[in-house]
């Protein structure tokens, strides 16, 4: 059987007002959403960022936080879970997929570093590492595969427009990963190219120092829901696979 590919994205929120949304230092960013797709299987969860969102982050993502409650575009309340619960349920999703290859755009420089910091803070790195076969960055793949094309930008939305001929709702994490899955199917990198670009959280260059951030969010903020209910609602599974995934979540249940 061919190896499964999982496409993921971590929208991040810069929490230093003097720093642009386009950041290279992930130590000043925080996770607000984690979205992933693998074929028809979908994982999409939210967590309240632990620091105040900047004005630029609010404009780009549409998210706001008031009294520990996350809202989208100022009117739609978003159900959230703690960062630990989000990561535990994501690991369970990965384990259900039997060590997929994790694919993302510009993840080696941003998403994976942010993810590694969060996993280390919560002592979940080993569980994550054993649940995947590795990571591949489509930005680096595209730069190598399309180097002879006169592209103005290798941003994901531009690549989707150039190669698929469509526009999509960028900065919506779930739409981003669905678009990435379609983009990857068009790129069709060879196994040799994938092998050459494969990396792990441990082999990323210039891995930032891990320093736990103090939370400014209440331990039990409003609009949170039990992890088991959350996992059933956010991961589209049926039958035995759903039961197997829930068992994996329970094994990793936060203490």
Protein backbone atom coordinates (compact mmCIF):
# COMPACT_ATOMS: atom_id res chain seq x y z
CA UNK A 1 0.00 0.00 0.00
CA UNK A 2 1.28 3.51 -0.83
CA UNK A 3 2.29 5.65 2.12
CA UNK A 4 -0.38 8.06 3.31
CA UNK A 5 0.33 11.78 3.04
CA UNK A 6 -1.08 14.19 5.62
CA UNK A 7 -1.25 17.90 4.78
CA UNK A 8 -1.20 20.28 7.72
CA UNK A 9 -1.00 23.92 8.73
CA UNK A 10 -0.56 25.85 11.97
CA UNK A 11 -1.88 29.40 11.68
CA UNK A 12 0.26 31.32 14.12
CA UNK A 13 -0.28 34.55 15.99
CA UNK A 14 2.63 36.94 16.53
CA UNK A 15 2.27 38.48 19.97
CA UNK A 16 4.86 41.22 19.81
CA UNK A 17 3.13 44.37 18.47
CA UNK A 18 6.36 45.59 16.90
CA UNK A 19 6.83 42.49 14.75
CA UNK A 20 5.36 41.89 11.31
CA UNK A 21 3.12 38.93 10.54
CA UNK A 22 5.90 37.62 8.29
CA UNK A 23 8.18 36.29 11.01
CA UNK A 24 11.31 34.17 11.08
CA UNK A 25 11.43 33.85 14.89
CA UNK A 26 8.81 31.32 15.99
CA UNK A 27 9.57 31.96 19.66
CA UNK A 28 7.36 35.04 19.40
CA UNK A 29 4.44 33.15 17.85
CA UNK A 30 1.63 31.06 19.32
CA UNK A 31 -0.69 28.38 17.92
CA UNK A 32 -4.32 29.32 17.35
CA UNK A 33 -5.54 26.56 14.98
CA UNK A 34 -4.32 23.17 13.76
CA UNK A 35 -5.76 21.81 10.52
CA UNK A 36 -4.88 18.64 8.64
CA UNK A 37 -6.35 16.50 5.87
CA UNK A 38 -5.53 13.04 4.58
CA UNK A 39 -7.75 12.15 1.65
CA UNK A 40 -11.28 12.63 2.96
CA UNK A 41 -10.24 12.56 6.62
CA UNK A 42 -10.22 15.96 8.27
CA UNK A 43 -8.78 17.29 11.53
CA UNK A 44 -9.50 20.89 12.49
CA UNK A 45 -9.13 22.28 16.03
CA UNK A 46 -8.70 25.62 17.78
CA UNK A 47 -7.02 26.82 20.94
CA UNK A 48 -6.95 30.21 22.64
CA UNK A 49 -3.50 31.76 22.09
CA UNK A 50 -1.62 32.36 25.31
CA UNK A 51 -0.62 35.91 24.46
CA UNK A 52 -2.52 38.88 23.13
CA UNK A 53 -3.08 38.95 19.38
CA UNK A 54 -1.55 41.83 17.48
CA UNK A 55 -3.61 44.07 15.24
CA UNK A 56 -1.90 42.62 12.16
CA UNK A 57 -2.68 39.05 13.29
CA UNK A 58 -6.34 39.94 13.83
CA UNK A 59 -6.58 41.42 10.34
CA UNK A 60 -4.95 38.44 8.62
CA UNK A 61 -6.70 35.62 10.51
CA UNK A 62 -10.01 37.26 11.47
CA UNK A 63 -9.63 35.91 15.01
CA UNK A 64 -10.14 37.92 18.16
CA UNK A 65 -9.99 36.97 21.85
CA UNK A 66 -12.12 38.55 24.56
CA UNK A 67 -12.28 37.27 28.14
CA UNK A 68 -10.70 33.98 27.11
CA UNK A 69 -13.22 33.38 24.31
CA UNK A 70 -12.04 32.98 20.71
CA UNK A 71 -14.18 34.57 18.01
CA UNK A 72 -13.97 34.64 14.23
CA UNK A 73 -14.59 37.96 12.48
CA UNK A 74 -15.95 39.39 15.71
CA UNK A 75 -19.22 37.46 15.72
CA UNK A 76 -18.78 33.68 15.47
CA UNK A 77 -17.75 31.98 18.71
CA UNK A 78 -15.16 29.26 18.17
CA UNK A 79 -15.12 26.17 20.39
CA UNK A 80 -11.63 25.61 21.75
CA UNK A 81 -9.52 23.19 23.74
CA UNK A 82 -6.31 23.57 25.69
CA UNK A 83 -3.08 23.36 23.72
CA UNK A 84 -2.29 20.01 25.36
CA UNK A 85 -5.65 18.58 24.31
CA UNK A 86 -5.18 19.87 20.76
CA UNK A 87 -1.77 18.22 20.44
CA UNK A 88 -2.85 14.97 22.10
CA UNK A 89 -5.81 14.61 19.74
CA UNK A 90 -3.58 15.43 16.75
CA UNK A 91 -1.14 12.70 17.76
CA UNK A 92 -4.04 10.25 18.03
CA UNK A 93 -5.15 11.26 14.52
CA UNK A 94 -1.63 10.62 13.22
CA UNK A 95 -1.47 7.21 14.91
CA UNK A 96 -4.73 6.24 13.25
CA UNK A 97 -3.07 6.96 9.89
CA UNK A 98 -0.13 4.66 10.65
CA UNK A 99 2.86 6.99 10.44
CA UNK A 100 1.99 9.25 7.49
CA UNK A 101 4.37 11.60 5.75
CA UNK A 102 3.54 15.11 6.98
CA UNK A 103 3.43 17.65 4.16
CA UNK A 104 3.15 21.42 4.45
CA UNK A 105 4.15 24.65 2.73
CA UNK A 106 7.06 26.50 4.32
CA UNK A 107 6.75 24.22 7.36
CA UNK A 108 10.47 23.65 7.80
CA UNK A 109 11.01 27.30 8.58
CA UNK A 110 7.78 28.06 10.45
CA UNK A 111 5.11 25.49 11.32
CA UNK A 112 7.36 22.62 12.34
CA UNK A 113 9.51 24.82 14.55
CA UNK A 114 6.46 26.21 16.26
CA UNK A 115 5.04 22.71 16.62
CA UNK A 116 8.32 21.37 18.02
CA UNK A 117 8.42 24.10 20.65
CA UNK A 118 4.86 23.34 21.76
CA UNK A 119 5.49 19.58 21.85
CA UNK A 120 8.62 20.06 23.92
CA UNK A 121 6.86 22.37 26.36
CA UNK A 122 4.22 19.71 26.98
CA UNK A 123 6.59 16.71 26.87
CA UNK A 124 4.83 15.20 23.82
CA UNK A 125 7.71 15.17 21.33
CA UNK A 126 8.43 11.44 21.58
CA UNK A 127 4.78 10.51 20.94
CA UNK A 128 4.65 12.79 17.90
CA UNK A 129 7.97 11.61 16.44
CA UNK A 130 6.93 7.96 16.67
CA UNK A 131 3.60 8.73 14.94
CA UNK A 132 5.01 10.05 11.63
CA UNK A 133 7.50 8.87 9.02
CA UNK A 134 8.89 12.34 8.44
CA UNK A 135 8.06 15.78 7.02
CA UNK A 136 8.34 17.39 3.58
CA UNK A 137 8.16 21.09 2.75
CA UNK A 138 6.37 21.80 -0.54
CA UNK A 139 7.96 25.25 -0.77
CA UNK A 140 11.39 23.63 -1.12
CA UNK A 141 10.00 20.96 -3.43
CA UNK A 142 8.38 23.55 -5.70
CA UNK A 143 11.51 25.69 -5.85
CA UNK A 144 13.47 22.70 -7.12
CA UNK A 145 10.81 21.23 -9.40
CA UNK A 146 9.70 24.54 -10.94
CA UNK A 147 13.04 26.36 -11.06
CA UNK A 148 12.87 26.69 -14.86
CA UNK A 149 9.46 28.35 -14.80
CA UNK A 150 9.23 32.11 -14.61
CA UNK A 151 7.19 32.28 -11.40
CA UNK A 152 6.91 35.58 -9.58
CA UNK A 153 6.25 33.91 -6.26
CA UNK A 154 6.35 30.48 -4.65
CA UNK A 155 3.68 31.34 -2.12
CA UNK A 156 1.12 28.55 -1.89
CA UNK A 157 -1.80 30.61 -3.19
CA UNK A 158 0.27 31.68 -6.20
CA UNK A 159 1.32 28.09 -6.96
CA UNK A 160 -2.30 26.93 -6.73
CA UNK A 161 -3.33 29.71 -9.11
CA UNK A 162 -0.52 28.96 -11.58
CA UNK A 163 -0.75 25.15 -11.56
CA UNK A 164 -4.42 24.51 -10.84
CA UNK A 165 -5.92 27.68 -12.31
CA UNK A 166 -8.03 28.45 -9.26
CA UNK A 167 -8.16 30.94 -6.41
CA UNK A 168 -9.11 29.90 -2.92
CA UNK A 169 -9.71 31.37 0.51
CA UNK A 170 -6.15 31.79 1.76
CA UNK A 171 -5.49 32.29 5.50
CA UNK A 172 -8.32 29.87 6.29
CA UNK A 173 -6.32 26.91 7.60
CA UNK A 174 -8.71 24.20 6.46
CA UNK A 175 -8.98 25.67 2.96
CA UNK A 176 -5.19 26.04 2.88
CA UNK A 177 -4.53 22.36 3.60
CA UNK A 178 -7.19 21.22 1.12
CA UNK A 179 -5.58 23.42 -1.52
CA UNK A 180 -2.16 22.03 -0.57
CA UNK A 181 -3.39 18.46 -1.04
CA UNK A 182 -4.56 19.35 -4.56
CA UNK A 183 -1.29 21.17 -5.29
CA UNK A 184 0.80 18.18 -4.20
CA UNK A 185 -1.18 15.87 -6.47
CA UNK A 186 -0.25 18.11 -9.39
CA UNK A 187 3.43 18.44 -8.43
CA UNK A 188 3.80 14.65 -8.13
CA UNK A 189 7.36 14.64 -6.75
CA UNK A 190 9.35 11.46 -7.34
CA UNK A 191 10.20 9.14 -4.42
CA UNK A 192 13.85 10.18 -4.81
CA UNK A 193 12.97 13.85 -4.53
CA UNK A 194 10.77 13.21 -1.49
CA UNK A 195 13.57 11.23 0.15
CA UNK A 196 16.05 14.04 -0.46
CA UNK A 197 13.73 16.64 1.09
CA UNK A 198 12.44 14.54 3.98
CA UNK A 199 13.28 15.86 7.46
CA UNK A 200 12.26 15.39 11.07
CA UNK A 201 11.80 17.82 13.94
CA UNK A 202 15.24 16.80 15.14
CA UNK A 203 16.96 17.48 11.82
CA UNK A 204 15.63 20.99 11.24
CA UNK A 205 18.42 23.52 11.02
CA UNK A 206 18.76 26.18 13.69
CA UNK A 207 16.19 24.62 15.99
CA UNK A 208 15.12 27.41 18.36
CA UNK A 209 15.68 27.10 22.08
CA UNK A 210 12.65 25.82 23.95
CA UNK A 211 11.30 28.11 26.59
CA UNK A 212 7.84 27.60 28.02
CA UNK A 213 5.61 30.65 27.78
CA UNK A 214 3.49 31.57 30.75
CA UNK A 215 -0.17 31.35 29.98
CA UNK A 216 -2.35 34.42 30.33
CA UNK A 217 -5.50 32.42 29.62
CA UNK A 218 -7.64 30.96 32.36
CA UNK A 219 -7.15 27.23 33.01
CA UNK A 220 -10.74 26.49 32.01
CA UNK A 221 -11.71 29.27 29.60
CA UNK A 222 -15.30 29.61 28.38
CA UNK A 223 -16.41 27.68 25.27
CA UNK A 224 -14.08 24.74 25.93
CA UNK A 225 -15.50 21.26 25.52
CA UNK A 226 -14.41 17.79 26.66
CA UNK A 227 -11.65 16.29 24.53
CA UNK A 228 -13.64 13.15 23.67
CA UNK A 229 -16.60 15.16 22.35
CA UNK A 230 -14.21 17.46 20.52
CA UNK A 231 -12.37 14.58 18.87
CA UNK A 232 -15.58 12.96 17.65
CA UNK A 233 -16.80 16.23 16.13
CA UNK A 234 -13.58 17.44 14.53
CA UNK A 235 -12.26 14.20 13.05
CA UNK A 236 -14.51 12.76 10.35
CA UNK A 237 -14.33 9.01 11.06
CA UNK A 238 -16.75 6.15 11.14
CA UNK A 239 -16.92 2.61 12.49
CA UNK A 240 -13.89 0.80 13.84
CA UNK A 241 -11.46 3.56 12.85
CA UNK A 242 -13.30 6.06 15.03
CA UNK A 243 -13.20 3.70 18.02
CA UNK A 244 -9.50 2.98 17.44
CA UNK A 245 -8.73 6.70 17.29
CA UNK A 246 -10.63 7.39 20.51
CA UNK A 247 -8.69 4.63 22.25
CA UNK A 248 -5.47 6.29 21.15
CA UNK A 249 -6.65 9.62 22.59
CA UNK A 250 -7.47 7.95 25.90
CA UNK A 251 -3.99 6.42 26.07
CA UNK A 252 -2.56 9.93 25.74
CA UNK A 253 -5.13 11.51 28.06
CA UNK A 254 -3.72 14.66 29.70
CA UNK A 255 -3.12 14.47 33.44
